[in-house]
Amino acid sequence: MRMKILLILTGLAIFISMRGLLFSDEANAQPLPDLIVMKIECVPPQSKLSFTLTNRGNVPLQKDWRGVARVYLPGRMEQIVDLRRPTSGSIEPAGGFATYRLAYRIKGKISVKVVVDSTNSIRESNEENNEKVQMLEPCPK
């Protein structure tokens, strides 16, 4: 009976130990990209909407990455932006920056929300920092 209890306890200890190895954050920790919205702004002279993203992770995006941002604008549900087609720069390398200029013209005071990787197709180290809301006005003339 003692041997049976000892074997059960030993088996339980091994199971708990293996579960810790399989499910611990440290065992699964690996460097990942981290995309964030740095700024949303009005670009003169035509008051066009622009936003800048960065990959503040310490690794580049995967070679075959795909992703979109959703931009929520007044009077529209949303505008979808392909993250592989920036106006300038690139979020692909670690520490990379990219700017996306939209055709949307800011005509009055508005609230704009940008959600980067809105489809969660890019695995990131932090999935909780992917959106920003900004109040904007037309650019000064």
Protein backbone atom coordinates (compact mmCIF):
# COMPACT_ATOMS: atom_id res chain seq x y z
CA MET A 1 0.00 0.00 0.00
CA ARG A 2 2.87 2.39 0.90
CA MET A 3 4.56 1.62 -2.43
CA LYS A 4 1.33 2.34 -4.32
CA ILE A 5 0.87 5.73 -2.57
CA LEU A 6 4.51 6.59 -3.19
CA LEU A 7 4.16 5.76 -6.89
CA ILE A 8 0.97 7.81 -7.16
CA LEU A 9 2.60 10.78 -5.41
CA THR A 10 5.73 10.46 -7.56
CA GLY A 11 3.63 10.27 -10.71
CA LEU A 12 1.64 13.33 -9.60
CA ALA A 13 4.85 15.27 -8.90
CA ILE A 14 6.22 14.38 -12.35
CA PHE A 15 2.91 15.37 -13.97
CA ILE A 16 2.86 18.71 -12.15
CA SER A 17 6.51 19.31 -13.04
CA MET A 18 5.91 18.48 -16.74
CA ARG A 19 2.78 20.65 -16.80
CA GLY A 20 4.84 23.55 -15.48
CA LEU A 21 7.38 23.04 -18.25
CA LEU A 22 4.74 22.81 -20.94
CA PHE A 23 2.54 25.68 -19.81
CA SER A 24 4.81 28.17 -18.11
CA ASP A 25 5.32 31.59 -19.67
CA GLU A 26 9.09 31.20 -19.39
CA ALA A 27 9.11 27.98 -21.41
CA ASN A 28 7.07 29.59 -24.21
CA ALA A 29 8.76 32.99 -24.04
CA GLN A 30 10.32 33.96 -27.32
CA PRO A 31 11.08 37.28 -28.89
CA LEU A 32 8.13 38.60 -30.88
CA PRO A 33 7.32 41.82 -32.72
CA ASP A 34 5.13 44.40 -30.99
CA LEU A 35 3.14 46.76 -33.21
CA ILE A 36 1.81 50.00 -31.78
CA VAL A 37 0.21 53.17 -33.11
CA MET A 38 2.71 55.96 -32.43
CA LYS A 39 0.67 58.91 -33.66
CA ILE A 40 -2.39 59.97 -35.60
CA GLU A 41 -2.16 63.39 -37.19
CA CYS A 42 -3.31 65.93 -39.74
CA VAL A 43 -0.91 66.46 -42.66
CA PRO A 44 -0.83 69.87 -44.39
CA PRO A 45 -1.55 71.45 -46.77
CA GLN A 46 -4.75 69.50 -47.53
CA SER A 47 -5.50 68.29 -43.98
CA LYS A 48 -5.12 64.61 -44.87
CA LEU A 49 -5.26 61.97 -42.16
CA SER A 50 -2.02 60.12 -41.42
CA PHE A 51 -0.91 57.60 -38.81
CA THR A 52 2.47 56.17 -37.87
CA LEU A 53 3.13 52.67 -36.58
CA THR A 54 6.22 51.09 -35.10
CA ASN A 55 7.43 47.58 -34.46
CA ARG A 56 8.90 48.17 -31.04
CA GLY A 57 9.70 44.49 -30.63
CA ASN A 58 13.27 43.30 -30.87
CA VAL A 59 12.63 40.95 -33.79
CA PRO A 60 11.35 41.56 -37.33
CA LEU A 61 7.95 40.46 -38.57
CA GLN A 62 7.78 36.95 -40.02
CA LYS A 63 8.86 36.67 -43.65
CA ASP A 64 5.32 35.98 -44.99
CA TRP A 65 3.44 38.37 -42.66
CA ARG A 66 0.13 39.98 -43.56
CA GLY A 67 -1.88 42.44 -41.56
CA VAL A 68 -4.36 45.28 -41.70
CA ALA A 69 -5.24 48.29 -39.62
CA ARG A 70 -8.79 49.50 -39.14
CA VAL A 71 -9.32 53.24 -39.05
CA TYR A 72 -12.62 54.37 -37.56
CA LEU A 73 -13.74 57.71 -38.99
CA PRO A 74 -16.79 59.93 -38.46
CA GLY A 75 -19.57 59.18 -40.93
CA ARG A 76 -17.99 55.86 -41.96
CA MET A 77 -17.88 52.47 -40.30
CA GLU A 78 -14.19 51.95 -40.91
CA GLN A 79 -11.43 52.10 -43.47
CA ILE A 80 -9.14 49.10 -43.85
CA VAL A 81 -5.45 49.75 -44.54
CA ASP A 82 -3.02 47.08 -45.78
CA LEU A 83 0.00 47.30 -43.45
CA ARG A 84 2.31 46.04 -46.21
CA ARG A 85 1.61 49.21 -48.25
CA PRO A 86 2.85 52.20 -46.22
CA THR A 87 3.29 55.68 -47.66
CA SER A 88 6.83 55.60 -46.25
CA GLY A 89 9.01 53.40 -44.05
CA SER A 90 8.42 49.83 -42.92
CA ILE A 91 7.24 48.06 -39.77
CA GLU A 92 8.90 44.84 -40.92
CA PRO A 93 12.28 45.26 -39.17
CA ALA A 94 12.66 45.37 -35.40
CA GLY A 95 12.36 49.04 -34.42
CA GLY A 96 10.92 49.94 -37.84
CA PHE A 97 8.50 52.83 -38.41
CA ALA A 98 5.91 53.24 -41.17
CA THR A 99 3.56 56.07 -42.04
CA TYR A 100 0.21 55.55 -43.76
CA ARG A 101 -1.48 58.58 -45.36
CA LEU A 102 -5.16 58.26 -46.19
CA ALA A 103 -7.21 60.15 -48.74
CA TYR A 104 -9.56 61.22 -45.95
CA ARG A 105 -9.61 65.01 -45.55
CA ILE A 106 -10.14 66.40 -42.07
CA LYS A 107 -12.80 69.14 -42.36
CA GLY A 108 -13.68 69.71 -38.70
CA LYS A 109 -12.97 68.50 -35.20
CA ILE A 110 -13.10 64.67 -35.23
CA SER A 111 -12.16 61.64 -33.17
CA VAL A 112 -10.15 59.01 -35.05
CA LYS A 113 -9.41 55.51 -33.80
CA VAL A 114 -6.68 53.33 -35.35
CA VAL A 115 -6.41 49.62 -34.52
CA VAL A 116 -3.21 48.02 -35.83
CA ASP A 117 -3.35 44.31 -36.70
CA SER A 118 -7.09 44.37 -36.12
CA THR A 119 -7.45 40.78 -37.37
CA ASN A 120 -4.75 39.50 -34.97
CA SER A 121 -2.94 37.82 -37.84
CA ILE A 122 0.48 38.90 -36.54
CA ARG A 123 1.64 37.19 -33.34
CA GLU A 124 2.94 39.88 -30.97
CA SER A 125 4.53 40.05 -27.55
CA ASN A 126 1.73 42.39 -26.41
CA GLU A 127 -1.69 42.17 -28.05
CA GLU A 128 -3.19 44.74 -25.65
CA ASN A 129 -1.51 47.89 -27.03
CA ASN A 130 -2.77 47.90 -30.61
CA GLU A 131 -5.12 50.88 -30.63
CA LYS A 132 -5.05 54.62 -30.23
CA VAL A 133 -7.74 57.30 -30.30
CA GLN A 134 -6.90 60.89 -31.20
CA MET A 135 -8.92 64.10 -31.49
CA LEU A 136 -7.95 66.02 -34.63
CA GLU A 137 -8.78 69.31 -36.29
CA PRO A 138 -7.98 70.57 -39.79
CA CYS A 139 -4.33 71.58 -40.14
CA PRO A 140 -3.55 75.29 -39.63
CA LYS A 141 -3.19 77.19 -42.89
